[in-house]
Amino acid sequence: YYEKLVVNPGTNKLSQAALETLAIIAYNQPITISEINEIRGVQT
């Protein structure tokens, strides 16, 4: 069921938080979670 959730087109929309996180990673890769958290200011 968790696998279906991940591949379900209805759940494949990216939230604003997901887009921000992807942008941080894309421009700073490779990067650690703690570095991402520091940039975003929230736990990711």
PDB file of all heavy atoms in Angstrom:
ATOM      1  N   TYR A   1       0.830  -1.207   0.000  1.00  0.00           N
ATOM      2  CA  TYR A   1       0.000   0.000   0.000  1.00  0.00           C
ATOM      3  C   TYR A   1       0.864   1.256   0.000  1.00  0.00           C
ATOM      4  O   TYR A   1       0.522   2.248  -0.640  1.00  0.00           O
ATOM      5  CB  TYR A   1      -0.947  -0.004   1.201  1.00  0.00           C
ATOM      6  CG  TYR A   1      -1.881  -1.188   1.172  1.00  0.00           C
ATOM      7  CD1 TYR A   1      -1.635  -2.316   1.947  1.00  0.00           C
ATOM      8  CD2 TYR A   1      -2.991  -1.195   0.322  1.00  0.00           C
ATOM      9  CE1 TYR A   1      -2.474  -3.419   1.908  1.00  0.00           C
ATOM     10  CE2 TYR A   1      -3.838  -2.294   0.271  1.00  0.00           C
ATOM     11  CZ  TYR A   1      -3.570  -3.396   1.063  1.00  0.00           C
ATOM     12  OH  TYR A   1      -4.404  -4.485   1.007  1.00  0.00           O
ATOM     13  N   TYR A   2       1.981   1.208   0.711  1.00  0.00           N
ATOM     14  CA  TYR A   2       2.886   2.359   0.736  1.00  0.00           C
ATOM     15  C   TYR A   2       3.507   2.558  -0.642  1.00  0.00           C
ATOM     16  O   TYR A   2       3.681   3.699  -1.090  1.00  0.00           O
ATOM     17  CB  TYR A   2       3.973   2.170   1.795  1.00  0.00           C
ATOM     18  CG  TYR A   2       3.425   1.855   3.169  1.00  0.00           C
ATOM     19  CD1 TYR A   2       3.959   0.844   3.946  1.00  0.00           C
ATOM     20  CD2 TYR A   2       2.340   2.551   3.683  1.00  0.00           C
ATOM     21  CE1 TYR A   2       3.451   0.540   5.189  1.00  0.00           C
ATOM     22  CE2 TYR A   2       1.815   2.253   4.932  1.00  0.00           C
ATOM     23  CZ  TYR A   2       2.378   1.251   5.680  1.00  0.00           C
ATOM     24  OH  TYR A   2       1.869   0.946   6.910  1.00  0.00           O
ATOM     25  N   GLU A   3       3.803   1.456  -1.315  1.00  0.00           N
ATOM     26  CA  GLU A   3       4.353   1.555  -2.670  1.00  0.00           C
ATOM     27  C   GLU A   3       3.337   2.169  -3.621  1.00  0.00           C
ATOM     28  O   GLU A   3       3.684   2.984  -4.471  1.00  0.00           O
ATOM     29  CB  GLU A   3       4.796   0.178  -3.169  1.00  0.00           C
ATOM     30  CG  GLU A   3       6.024  -0.342  -2.454  1.00  0.00           C
ATOM     31  CD  GLU A   3       6.361  -1.779  -2.775  1.00  0.00           C
ATOM     32  OE1 GLU A   3       5.503  -2.495  -3.357  1.00  0.00           O
ATOM     33  OE2 GLU A   3       7.479  -2.205  -2.427  1.00  0.00           O
ATOM     34  N   LYS A   4       2.068   1.786  -3.473  1.00  0.00           N
ATOM     35  CA  LYS A   4       1.018   2.369  -4.319  1.00  0.00           C
ATOM     36  C   LYS A   4       0.895   3.867  -4.070  1.00  0.00           C
ATOM     37  O   LYS A   4       0.668   4.636  -4.993  1.00  0.00           O
ATOM     38  CB  LYS A   4      -0.336   1.696  -4.039  1.00  0.00           C
ATOM     39  CG  LYS A   4      -0.456   0.295  -4.578  1.00  0.00           C
ATOM     40  CD  LYS A   4      -1.822  -0.285  -4.226  1.00  0.00           C
ATOM     41  CE  LYS A   4      -1.952  -1.724  -4.639  1.00  0.00           C
ATOM     42  NZ  LYS A   4      -3.244  -2.293  -4.232  1.00  0.00           N
ATOM     43  N   LEU A   5       1.037   4.260  -2.819  1.00  0.00           N
ATOM     44  CA  LEU A   5       0.966   5.676  -2.482  1.00  0.00           C
ATOM     45  C   LEU A   5       2.038   6.470  -3.198  1.00  0.00           C
ATOM     46  O   LEU A   5       1.791   7.539  -3.739  1.00  0.00           O
ATOM     47  CB  LEU A   5       1.105   5.860  -0.963  1.00  0.00           C
ATOM     48  CG  LEU A   5       1.150   7.302  -0.464  1.00  0.00           C
ATOM     49  CD1 LEU A   5      -0.201   7.978  -0.676  1.00  0.00           C
ATOM     50  CD2 LEU A   5       1.545   7.333   0.993  1.00  0.00           C
ATOM     51  N   VAL A   6       3.233   5.913  -3.250  1.00  0.00           N
ATOM     52  CA  VAL A   6       4.361   6.598  -3.866  1.00  0.00           C
ATOM     53  C   VAL A   6       4.188   6.726  -5.374  1.00  0.00           C
ATOM     54  O   VAL A   6       4.518   7.756  -5.955  1.00  0.00           O
ATOM     55  CB  VAL A   6       5.685   5.874  -3.526  1.00  0.00           C
ATOM     56  CG1 VAL A   6       6.838   6.451  -4.317  1.00  0.00           C
ATOM     57  CG2 VAL A   6       5.959   5.975  -2.034  1.00  0.00           C
ATOM     58  N   VAL A   7       3.642   5.694  -6.027  1.00  0.00           N
ATOM     59  CA  VAL A   7       3.524   5.738  -7.486  1.00  0.00           C
ATOM     60  C   VAL A   7       2.176   6.243  -7.975  1.00  0.00           C
ATOM     61  O   VAL A   7       1.996   6.439  -9.168  1.00  0.00           O
ATOM     62  CB  VAL A   7       3.804   4.357  -8.124  1.00  0.00           C
ATOM     63  CG1 VAL A   7       5.210   3.911  -7.829  1.00  0.00           C
ATOM     64  CG2 VAL A   7       2.809   3.321  -7.662  1.00  0.00           C
ATOM     65  N   ASN A   8       1.236   6.497  -7.091  1.00  0.00           N
ATOM     66  CA  ASN A   8      -0.090   6.978  -7.460  1.00  0.00           C
ATOM     67  C   ASN A   8       0.017   8.397  -8.033  1.00  0.00           C
ATOM     68  O   ASN A   8       0.521   9.290  -7.359  1.00  0.00           O
ATOM     69  CB  ASN A   8      -1.004   6.963  -6.230  1.00  0.00           C
ATOM     70  CG  ASN A   8      -2.401   7.439  -6.529  1.00  0.00           C
ATOM     71  OD1 ASN A   8      -2.691   7.953  -7.593  1.00  0.00           O
ATOM     72  ND2 ASN A   8      -3.264   7.280  -5.558  1.00  0.00           N
ATOM     73  N   PRO A   9      -0.471   8.631  -9.255  1.00  0.00           N
ATOM     74  CA  PRO A   9      -0.383   9.971  -9.857  1.00  0.00           C
ATOM     75  C   PRO A   9      -1.052  11.042  -9.007  1.00  0.00           C
ATOM     76  O   PRO A   9      -0.609  12.181  -8.986  1.00  0.00           O
ATOM     77  CB  PRO A   9      -1.104   9.829 -11.204  1.00  0.00           C
ATOM     78  CG  PRO A   9      -1.120   8.365 -11.485  1.00  0.00           C
ATOM     79  CD  PRO A   9      -1.090   7.670 -10.161  1.00  0.00           C
ATOM     80  N   GLY A  10      -2.077  10.702  -8.286  1.00  0.00           N
ATOM     81  CA  GLY A  10      -2.759  11.679  -7.445  1.00  0.00           C
ATOM     82  C   GLY A  10      -1.916  12.163  -6.289  1.00  0.00           C
ATOM     83  O   GLY A  10      -2.129  13.247  -5.761  1.00  0.00           O
ATOM     84  N   THR A  11      -0.922  11.362  -5.891  1.00  0.00           N
ATOM     85  CA  THR A  11      -0.051  11.763  -4.787  1.00  0.00           C
ATOM     86  C   THR A  11       1.302  12.249  -5.284  1.00  0.00           C
ATOM     87  O   THR A  11       2.173  12.534  -4.490  1.00  0.00           O
ATOM     88  CB  THR A  11       0.171  10.581  -3.813  1.00  0.00           C
ATOM     89  OG1 THR A  11       0.807   9.520  -4.517  1.00  0.00           O
ATOM     90  CG2 THR A  11      -1.122  10.107  -3.199  1.00  0.00           C
ATOM     91  N   ASN A  12       1.470  12.352  -6.598  1.00  0.00           N
ATOM     92  CA  ASN A  12       2.757  12.760  -7.149  1.00  0.00           C
ATOM     93  C   ASN A  12       2.911  14.263  -7.317  1.00  0.00           C
ATOM     94  O   ASN A  12       3.879  14.714  -7.896  1.00  0.00           O
ATOM     95  CB  ASN A  12       3.020  12.058  -8.485  1.00  0.00           C
ATOM     96  CG  ASN A  12       3.589  10.676  -8.274  1.00  0.00           C
ATOM     97  OD1 ASN A  12       4.123  10.382  -7.218  1.00  0.00           O
ATOM     98  ND2 ASN A  12       3.464   9.831  -9.267  1.00  0.00           N
ATOM     99  N   LYS A  13       1.969  15.018  -6.832  1.00  0.00           N
ATOM    100  CA  LYS A  13       2.106  16.471  -6.884  1.00  0.00           C
ATOM    101  C   LYS A  13       3.112  16.889  -5.825  1.00  0.00           C
ATOM    102  O   LYS A  13       3.109  16.372  -4.713  1.00  0.00           O
ATOM    103  CB  LYS A  13       0.756  17.135  -6.650  1.00  0.00           C
ATOM    104  CG  LYS A  13      -0.231  16.819  -7.748  1.00  0.00           C
ATOM    105  CD  LYS A  13      -1.552  17.491  -7.493  1.00  0.00           C
ATOM    106  CE  LYS A  13      -2.507  17.105  -8.600  1.00  0.00           C
ATOM    107  NZ  LYS A  13      -3.791  16.693  -8.123  1.00  0.00           N
ATOM    108  N   LEU A  14       3.963  17.821  -6.157  1.00  0.00           N
ATOM    109  CA  LEU A  14       4.975  18.271  -5.224  1.00  0.00           C
ATOM    110  C   LEU A  14       4.498  19.520  -4.490  1.00  0.00           C
ATOM    111  O   LEU A  14       4.041  20.479  -5.109  1.00  0.00           O
ATOM    112  CB  LEU A  14       6.285  18.560  -5.953  1.00  0.00           C
ATOM    113  CG  LEU A  14       6.959  17.353  -6.588  1.00  0.00           C
ATOM    114  CD1 LEU A  14       8.178  17.778  -7.381  1.00  0.00           C
ATOM    115  CD2 LEU A  14       7.349  16.344  -5.524  1.00  0.00           C
ATOM    116  N   SER A  15       4.629  19.498  -3.183  1.00  0.00           N
ATOM    117  CA  SER A  15       4.257  20.647  -2.357  1.00  0.00           C
ATOM    118  C   SER A  15       5.298  21.750  -2.514  1.00  0.00           C
ATOM    119  O   SER A  15       6.401  21.527  -3.053  1.00  0.00           O
ATOM    120  CB  SER A  15       4.177  20.230  -0.887  1.00  0.00           C
ATOM    121  OG  SER A  15       5.473  19.876  -0.426  1.00  0.00           O
ATOM    122  N   GLN A  16       4.977  22.930  -2.018  1.00  0.00           N
ATOM    123  CA  GLN A  16       5.921  24.045  -2.041  1.00  0.00           C
ATOM    124  C   GLN A  16       7.180  23.665  -1.263  1.00  0.00           C
ATOM    125  O   GLN A  16       8.294  23.939  -1.699  1.00  0.00           O
ATOM    126  CB  GLN A  16       5.278  25.307  -1.446  1.00  0.00           C
ATOM    127  CG  GLN A  16       6.150  26.541  -1.531  1.00  0.00           C
ATOM    128  CD  GLN A  16       6.405  27.001  -2.946  1.00  0.00           C
ATOM    129  OE1 GLN A  16       5.555  26.866  -3.817  1.00  0.00           O
ATOM    130  NE2 GLN A  16       7.588  27.549  -3.196  1.00  0.00           N
ATOM    131  N   ALA A  17       7.001  23.006  -0.121  1.00  0.00           N
ATOM    132  CA  ALA A  17       8.151  22.586   0.685  1.00  0.00           C
ATOM    133  C   ALA A  17       9.031  21.604  -0.089  1.00  0.00           C
ATOM    134  O   ALA A  17      10.262  21.685  -0.030  1.00  0.00           O
ATOM    135  CB  ALA A  17       7.666  21.958   1.992  1.00  0.00           C
ATOM    136  N   ALA A  18       8.411  20.681  -0.825  1.00  0.00           N
ATOM    137  CA  ALA A  18       9.172  19.717  -1.621  1.00  0.00           C
ATOM    138  C   ALA A  18       9.944  20.428  -2.727  1.00  0.00           C
ATOM    139  O   ALA A  18      11.113  20.111  -2.981  1.00  0.00           O
ATOM    140  CB  ALA A  18       8.244  18.665  -2.209  1.00  0.00           C
ATOM    141  N   LEU A  19       9.310  21.382  -3.376  1.00  0.00           N
ATOM    142  CA  LEU A  19       9.980  22.127  -4.443  1.00  0.00           C
ATOM    143  C   LEU A  19      11.164  22.930  -3.899  1.00  0.00           C
ATOM    144  O   LEU A  19      12.237  22.967  -4.509  1.00  0.00           O
ATOM    145  CB  LEU A  19       8.987  23.049  -5.150  1.00  0.00           C
ATOM    146  CG  LEU A  19       7.924  22.348  -6.000  1.00  0.00           C
ATOM    147  CD1 LEU A  19       6.860  23.343  -6.455  1.00  0.00           C
ATOM    148  CD2 LEU A  19       8.562  21.650  -7.195  1.00  0.00           C
ATOM    149  N   GLU A  20      10.969  23.564  -2.731  1.00  0.00           N
ATOM    150  CA  GLU A  20      12.065  24.325  -2.116  1.00  0.00           C
ATOM    151  C   GLU A  20      13.229  23.398  -1.778  1.00  0.00           C
ATOM    152  O   GLU A  20      14.383  23.726  -2.037  1.00  0.00           O
ATOM    153  CB  GLU A  20      11.576  25.012  -0.841  1.00  0.00           C
ATOM    154  CG  GLU A  20      10.631  26.161  -1.084  1.00  0.00           C
ATOM    155  CD  GLU A  20      10.006  26.688   0.199  1.00  0.00           C
ATOM    156  OE1 GLU A  20      10.433  26.274   1.307  1.00  0.00           O
ATOM    157  OE2 GLU A  20       9.093  27.519   0.104  1.00  0.00           O
ATOM    158  N   THR A  21      12.909  22.259  -1.206  1.00  0.00           N
ATOM    159  CA  THR A  21      13.942  21.303  -0.823  1.00  0.00           C
ATOM    160  C   THR A  21      14.675  20.775  -2.049  1.00  0.00           C
ATOM    161  O   THR A  21      15.911  20.688  -2.051  1.00  0.00           O
ATOM    162  CB  THR A  21      13.313  20.147  -0.014  1.00  0.00           C
ATOM    163  OG1 THR A  21      12.646  20.698   1.128  1.00  0.00           O
ATOM    164  CG2 THR A  21      14.358  19.153   0.430  1.00  0.00           C
ATOM    165  N   LEU A  22      13.948  20.442  -3.097  1.00  0.00           N
ATOM    166  CA  LEU A  22      14.580  19.981  -4.336  1.00  0.00           C
ATOM    167  C   LEU A  22      15.494  21.054  -4.928  1.00  0.00           C
ATOM    168  O   LEU A  22      16.585  20.744  -5.418  1.00  0.00           O
ATOM    169  CB  LEU A  22      13.517  19.574  -5.357  1.00  0.00           C
ATOM    170  CG  LEU A  22      12.863  18.221  -5.136  1.00  0.00           C
ATOM    171  CD1 LEU A  22      11.676  18.047  -6.077  1.00  0.00           C
ATOM    172  CD2 LEU A  22      13.865  17.082  -5.327  1.00  0.00           C
ATOM    173  N   ALA A  23      15.052  22.299  -4.876  1.00  0.00           N
ATOM    174  CA  ALA A  23      15.876  23.393  -5.403  1.00  0.00           C
ATOM    175  C   ALA A  23      17.178  23.519  -4.608  1.00  0.00           C
ATOM    176  O   ALA A  23      18.263  23.667  -5.190  1.00  0.00           O
ATOM    177  CB  ALA A  23      15.104  24.706  -5.363  1.00  0.00           C
ATOM    178  N   ILE A  24      17.081  23.437  -3.295  1.00  0.00           N
ATOM    179  CA  ILE A  24      18.273  23.524  -2.450  1.00  0.00           C
ATOM    180  C   ILE A  24      19.248  22.405  -2.808  1.00  0.00           C
ATOM    181  O   ILE A  24      20.445  22.626  -2.975  1.00  0.00           O
ATOM    182  CB  ILE A  24      17.887  23.463  -0.955  1.00  0.00           C
ATOM    183  CG1 ILE A  24      17.174  24.765  -0.556  1.00  0.00           C
ATOM    184  CG2 ILE A  24      19.115  23.220  -0.074  1.00  0.00           C
ATOM    185  CD1 ILE A  24      16.480  24.700   0.789  1.00  0.00           C
ATOM    186  N   ILE A  25      18.721  21.204  -2.955  1.00  0.00           N
ATOM    187  CA  ILE A  25      19.582  20.062  -3.268  1.00  0.00           C
ATOM    188  C   ILE A  25      20.157  20.187  -4.675  1.00  0.00           C
ATOM    189  O   ILE A  25      21.347  19.976  -4.898  1.00  0.00           O
ATOM    190  CB  ILE A  25      18.816  18.738  -3.096  1.00  0.00           C
ATOM    191  CG1 ILE A  25      18.436  18.560  -1.623  1.00  0.00           C
ATOM    192  CG2 ILE A  25      19.646  17.552  -3.601  1.00  0.00           C
ATOM    193  CD1 ILE A  25      17.414  17.485  -1.358  1.00  0.00           C
ATOM    194  N   ALA A  26      19.324  20.551  -5.639  1.00  0.00           N
ATOM    195  CA  ALA A  26      19.773  20.655  -7.026  1.00  0.00           C
ATOM    196  C   ALA A  26      20.921  21.648  -7.174  1.00  0.00           C
ATOM    197  O   ALA A  26      21.876  21.392  -7.916  1.00  0.00           O
ATOM    198  CB  ALA A  26      18.609  21.046  -7.928  1.00  0.00           C
ATOM    199  N   TYR A  27      20.851  22.766  -6.470  1.00  0.00           N
ATOM    200  CA  TYR A  27      21.875  23.799  -6.604  1.00  0.00           C
ATOM    201  C   TYR A  27      23.078  23.584  -5.686  1.00  0.00           C
ATOM    202  O   TYR A  27      24.093  24.256  -5.852  1.00  0.00           O
ATOM    203  CB  TYR A  27      21.279  25.185  -6.353  1.00  0.00           C
ATOM    204  CG  TYR A  27      20.468  25.692  -7.516  1.00  0.00           C
ATOM    205  CD1 TYR A  27      19.086  25.599  -7.520  1.00  0.00           C
ATOM    206  CD2 TYR A  27      21.094  26.261  -8.626  1.00  0.00           C
ATOM    207  CE1 TYR A  27      18.333  26.068  -8.591  1.00  0.00           C
ATOM    208  CE2 TYR A  27      20.354  26.733  -9.704  1.00  0.00           C
ATOM    209  CZ  TYR A  27      18.970  26.629  -9.680  1.00  0.00           C
ATOM    210  OH  TYR A  27      18.247  27.090 -10.747  1.00  0.00           O
ATOM    211  N   ASN A  28      22.983  22.686  -4.722  1.00  0.00           N
ATOM    212  CA  ASN A  28      24.058  22.510  -3.753  1.00  0.00           C
ATOM    213  C   ASN A  28      24.546  21.069  -3.636  1.00  0.00           C
ATOM    214  O   ASN A  28      25.245  20.733  -2.689  1.00  0.00           O
ATOM    215  CB  ASN A  28      23.591  22.971  -2.365  1.00  0.00           C
ATOM    216  CG  ASN A  28      23.271  24.439  -2.341  1.00  0.00           C
ATOM    217  OD1 ASN A  28      24.154  25.266  -2.345  1.00  0.00           O
ATOM    218  ND2 ASN A  28      21.991  24.755  -2.328  1.00  0.00           N
ATOM    219  N   GLN A  29      24.151  20.195  -4.538  1.00  0.00           N
ATOM    220  CA  GLN A  29      24.469  18.779  -4.403  1.00  0.00           C
ATOM    221  C   GLN A  29      25.940  18.491  -4.600  1.00  0.00           C
ATOM    222  O   GLN A  29      26.583  19.214  -5.356  1.00  0.00           O
ATOM    223  CB  GLN A  29      23.608  17.960  -5.351  1.00  0.00           C
ATOM    224  CG  GLN A  29      23.752  18.264  -6.818  1.00  0.00           C
ATOM    225  CD  GLN A  29      22.692  17.536  -7.619  1.00  0.00           C
ATOM    226  OE1 GLN A  29      22.433  16.367  -7.411  1.00  0.00           O
ATOM    227  NE2 GLN A  29      22.084  18.232  -8.558  1.00  0.00           N
ATOM    228  N   PRO A  30      26.453  17.477  -3.926  1.00  0.00           N
ATOM    229  CA  PRO A  30      25.791  16.663  -2.906  1.00  0.00           C
ATOM    230  C   PRO A  30      25.706  17.443  -1.592  1.00  0.00           C
ATOM    231  O   PRO A  30      26.571  18.272  -1.293  1.00  0.00           O
ATOM    232  CB  PRO A  30      26.692  15.446  -2.783  1.00  0.00           C
ATOM    233  CG  PRO A  30      28.049  15.939  -3.168  1.00  0.00           C
ATOM    234  CD  PRO A  30      27.821  17.019  -4.183  1.00  0.00           C
ATOM    235  N   ILE A  31      24.673  17.146  -0.802  1.00  0.00           N
ATOM    236  CA  ILE A  31      24.401  17.911   0.401  1.00  0.00           C
ATOM    237  C   ILE A  31      23.788  16.995   1.464  1.00  0.00           C
ATOM    238  O   ILE A  31      23.116  16.024   1.119  1.00  0.00           O
ATOM    239  CB  ILE A  31      23.460  19.105   0.071  1.00  0.00           C
ATOM    240  CG1 ILE A  31      23.288  20.042   1.253  1.00  0.00           C
ATOM    241  CG2 ILE A  31      22.139  18.625  -0.487  1.00  0.00           C
ATOM    242  CD1 ILE A  31      22.580  21.365   0.889  1.00  0.00           C
ATOM    243  N   THR A  32      24.051  17.312   2.732  1.00  0.00           N
ATOM    244  CA  THR A  32      23.508  16.512   3.831  1.00  0.00           C
ATOM    245  C   THR A  32      22.158  17.067   4.278  1.00  0.00           C
ATOM    246  O   THR A  32      21.833  18.220   4.000  1.00  0.00           O
ATOM    247  CB  THR A  32      24.447  16.515   5.049  1.00  0.00           C
ATOM    248  OG1 THR A  32      24.503  17.843   5.585  1.00  0.00           O
ATOM    249  CG2 THR A  32      25.835  16.025   4.691  1.00  0.00           C
ATOM    250  N   ILE A  33      21.408  16.255   4.985  1.00  0.00           N
ATOM    251  CA  ILE A  33      20.111  16.703   5.501  1.00  0.00           C
ATOM    252  C   ILE A  33      20.290  17.872   6.458  1.00  0.00           C
ATOM    253  O   ILE A  33      19.510  18.831   6.417  1.00  0.00           O
ATOM    254  CB  ILE A  33      19.348  15.544   6.177  1.00  0.00           C
ATOM    255  CG1 ILE A  33      18.853  14.560   5.121  1.00  0.00           C
ATOM    256  CG2 ILE A  33      18.180  16.057   7.008  1.00  0.00           C
ATOM    257  CD1 ILE A  33      18.087  13.374   5.675  1.00  0.00           C
ATOM    258  N   SER A  34      21.320  17.831   7.302  1.00  0.00           N
ATOM    259  CA  SER A  34      21.503  18.938   8.250  1.00  0.00           C
ATOM    260  C   SER A  34      21.806  20.250   7.517  1.00  0.00           C
ATOM    261  O   SER A  34      21.357  21.320   7.948  1.00  0.00           O
ATOM    262  CB  SER A  34      22.584  18.617   9.275  1.00  0.00           C
ATOM    263  OG  SER A  34      23.820  18.383   8.654  1.00  0.00           O
ATOM    264  N   GLU A  35      22.525  20.180   6.404  1.00  0.00           N
ATOM    265  CA  GLU A  35      22.787  21.394   5.622  1.00  0.00           C
ATOM    266  C   GLU A  35      21.495  21.907   4.980  1.00  0.00           C
ATOM    267  O   GLU A  35      21.253  23.118   4.931  1.00  0.00           O
ATOM    268  CB  GLU A  35      23.845  21.109   4.552  1.00  0.00           C
ATOM    269  CG  GLU A  35      25.218  20.841   5.130  1.00  0.00           C
ATOM    270  CD  GLU A  35      26.206  20.299   4.101  1.00  0.00           C
ATOM    271  OE1 GLU A  35      25.802  19.518   3.207  1.00  0.00           O
ATOM    272  OE2 GLU A  35      27.396  20.646   4.197  1.00  0.00           O
ATOM    273  N   ILE A  36      20.663  20.988   4.512  1.00  0.00           N
ATOM    274  CA  ILE A  36      19.367  21.377   3.932  1.00  0.00           C
ATOM    275  C   ILE A  36      18.502  22.019   5.008  1.00  0.00           C
ATOM    276  O   ILE A  36      17.898  23.079   4.789  1.00  0.00           O
ATOM    277  CB  ILE A  36      18.643  20.152   3.327  1.00  0.00           C
ATOM    278  CG1 ILE A  36      19.468  19.544   2.198  1.00  0.00           C
ATOM    279  CG2 ILE A  36      17.250  20.543   2.831  1.00  0.00           C
ATOM    280  CD1 ILE A  36      19.046  18.138   1.809  1.00  0.00           C
ATOM    281  N   ASN A  37      18.452  21.394   6.190  1.00  0.00           N
ATOM    282  CA  ASN A  37      17.666  21.930   7.306  1.00  0.00           C
ATOM    283  C   ASN A  37      18.131  23.327   7.684  1.00  0.00           C
ATOM    284  O   ASN A  37      17.313  24.205   7.991  1.00  0.00           O
ATOM    285  CB  ASN A  37      17.769  21.017   8.528  1.00  0.00           C
ATOM    286  CG  ASN A  37      17.105  19.681   8.326  1.00  0.00           C
ATOM    287  OD1 ASN A  37      16.333  19.491   7.396  1.00  0.00           O
ATOM    288  ND2 ASN A  37      17.414  18.741   9.198  1.00  0.00           N
ATOM    289  N   GLU A  38      19.443  23.532   7.659  1.00  0.00           N
ATOM    290  CA  GLU A  38      19.989  24.838   8.009  1.00  0.00           C
ATOM    291  C   GLU A  38      19.553  25.902   6.996  1.00  0.00           C
ATOM    292  O   GLU A  38      19.181  27.011   7.371  1.00  0.00           O
ATOM    293  CB  GLU A  38      21.515  24.760   8.070  1.00  0.00           C
ATOM    294  CG  GLU A  38      22.165  26.012   8.613  1.00  0.00           C
ATOM    295  CD  GLU A  38      23.661  25.843   8.769  1.00  0.00           C
ATOM    296  OE1 GLU A  38      24.123  24.742   9.134  1.00  0.00           O
ATOM    297  OE2 GLU A  38      24.380  26.829   8.508  1.00  0.00           O
ATOM    298  N   ILE A  39      19.574  25.560   5.736  1.00  0.00           N
ATOM    299  CA  ILE A  39      19.174  26.513   4.693  1.00  0.00           C
ATOM    300  C   ILE A  39      17.676  26.808   4.769  1.00  0.00           C
ATOM    301  O   ILE A  39      17.253  27.958   4.723  1.00  0.00           O
ATOM    302  CB  ILE A  39      19.543  25.989   3.289  1.00  0.00           C
ATOM    303  CG1 ILE A  39      21.067  25.931   3.147  1.00  0.00           C
ATOM    304  CG2 ILE A  39      18.928  26.863   2.195  1.00  0.00           C
ATOM    305  CD1 ILE A  39      21.565  25.187   1.913  1.00  0.00           C
ATOM    306  N   ARG A  40      16.852  25.745   4.907  1.00  0.00           N
ATOM    307  CA  ARG A  40      15.393  25.917   4.940  1.00  0.00           C
ATOM    308  C   ARG A  40      14.897  26.442   6.276  1.00  0.00           C
ATOM    309  O   ARG A  40      13.844  27.043   6.349  1.00  0.00           O
ATOM    310  CB  ARG A  40      14.678  24.590   4.640  1.00  0.00           C
ATOM    311  CG  ARG A  40      14.686  24.252   3.184  1.00  0.00           C
ATOM    312  CD  ARG A  40      13.536  23.399   2.743  1.00  0.00           C
ATOM    313  NE  ARG A  40      12.264  24.090   2.827  1.00  0.00           N
ATOM    314  CZ  ARG A  40      11.188  23.597   3.413  1.00  0.00           C
ATOM    315  NH1 ARG A  40      11.210  22.427   3.990  1.00  0.00           N
ATOM    316  NH2 ARG A  40      10.075  24.281   3.435  1.00  0.00           N
ATOM    317  N   GLY A  41      15.626  26.132   7.348  1.00  0.00           N
ATOM    318  CA  GLY A  41      15.196  26.572   8.668  1.00  0.00           C
ATOM    319  C   GLY A  41      14.158  25.666   9.303  1.00  0.00           C
ATOM    320  O   GLY A  41      13.574  26.021  10.325  1.00  0.00           O
ATOM    321  N   VAL A  42      13.897  24.512   8.691  1.00  0.00           N
ATOM    322  CA  VAL A  42      12.943  23.542   9.235  1.00  0.00           C
ATOM    323  C   VAL A  42      13.484  22.135   8.988  1.00  0.00           C
ATOM    324  O   VAL A  42      14.341  21.930   8.137  1.00  0.00           O
ATOM    325  CB  VAL A  42      11.532  23.658   8.601  1.00  0.00           C
ATOM    326  CG1 VAL A  42      10.890  24.985   8.925  1.00  0.00           C
ATOM    327  CG2 VAL A  42      11.581  23.449   7.103  1.00  0.00           C
ATOM    328  N   GLN A  43      12.962  21.168   9.736  1.00  0.00           N
ATOM    329  CA  GLN A  43      13.354  19.780   9.558  1.00  0.00           C
ATOM    330  C   GLN A  43      12.804  19.242   8.232  1.00  0.00           C
ATOM    331  O   GLN A  43      11.652  19.483   7.904  1.00  0.00           O
ATOM    332  CB  GLN A  43      12.806  18.919  10.700  1.00  0.00           C
ATOM    333  CG  GLN A  43      13.477  19.206  12.026  1.00  0.00           C
ATOM    334  CD  GLN A  43      14.925  18.762  12.035  1.00  0.00           C
ATOM    335  OE1 GLN A  43      15.259  17.684  11.559  1.00  0.00           O
ATOM    336  NE2 GLN A  43      15.796  19.595  12.575  1.00  0.00           N
ATOM    337  N   THR A  44      13.630  18.539   7.495  1.00  0.00           N
ATOM    338  CA  THR A  44      13.210  18.017   6.191  1.00  0.00           C
ATOM    339  C   THR A  44      13.372  16.501   6.092  1.00  0.00           C
ATOM    340  O   THR A  44      13.231  15.950   5.000  1.00  0.00           O
ATOM    341  CB  THR A  44      14.031  18.680   5.063  1.00  0.00           C
ATOM    342  OG1 THR A  44      15.417  18.442   5.305  1.00  0.00           O
ATOM    343  CG2 THR A  44      13.775  20.164   4.970  1.00  0.00           C
TER     344      THR A  44
END
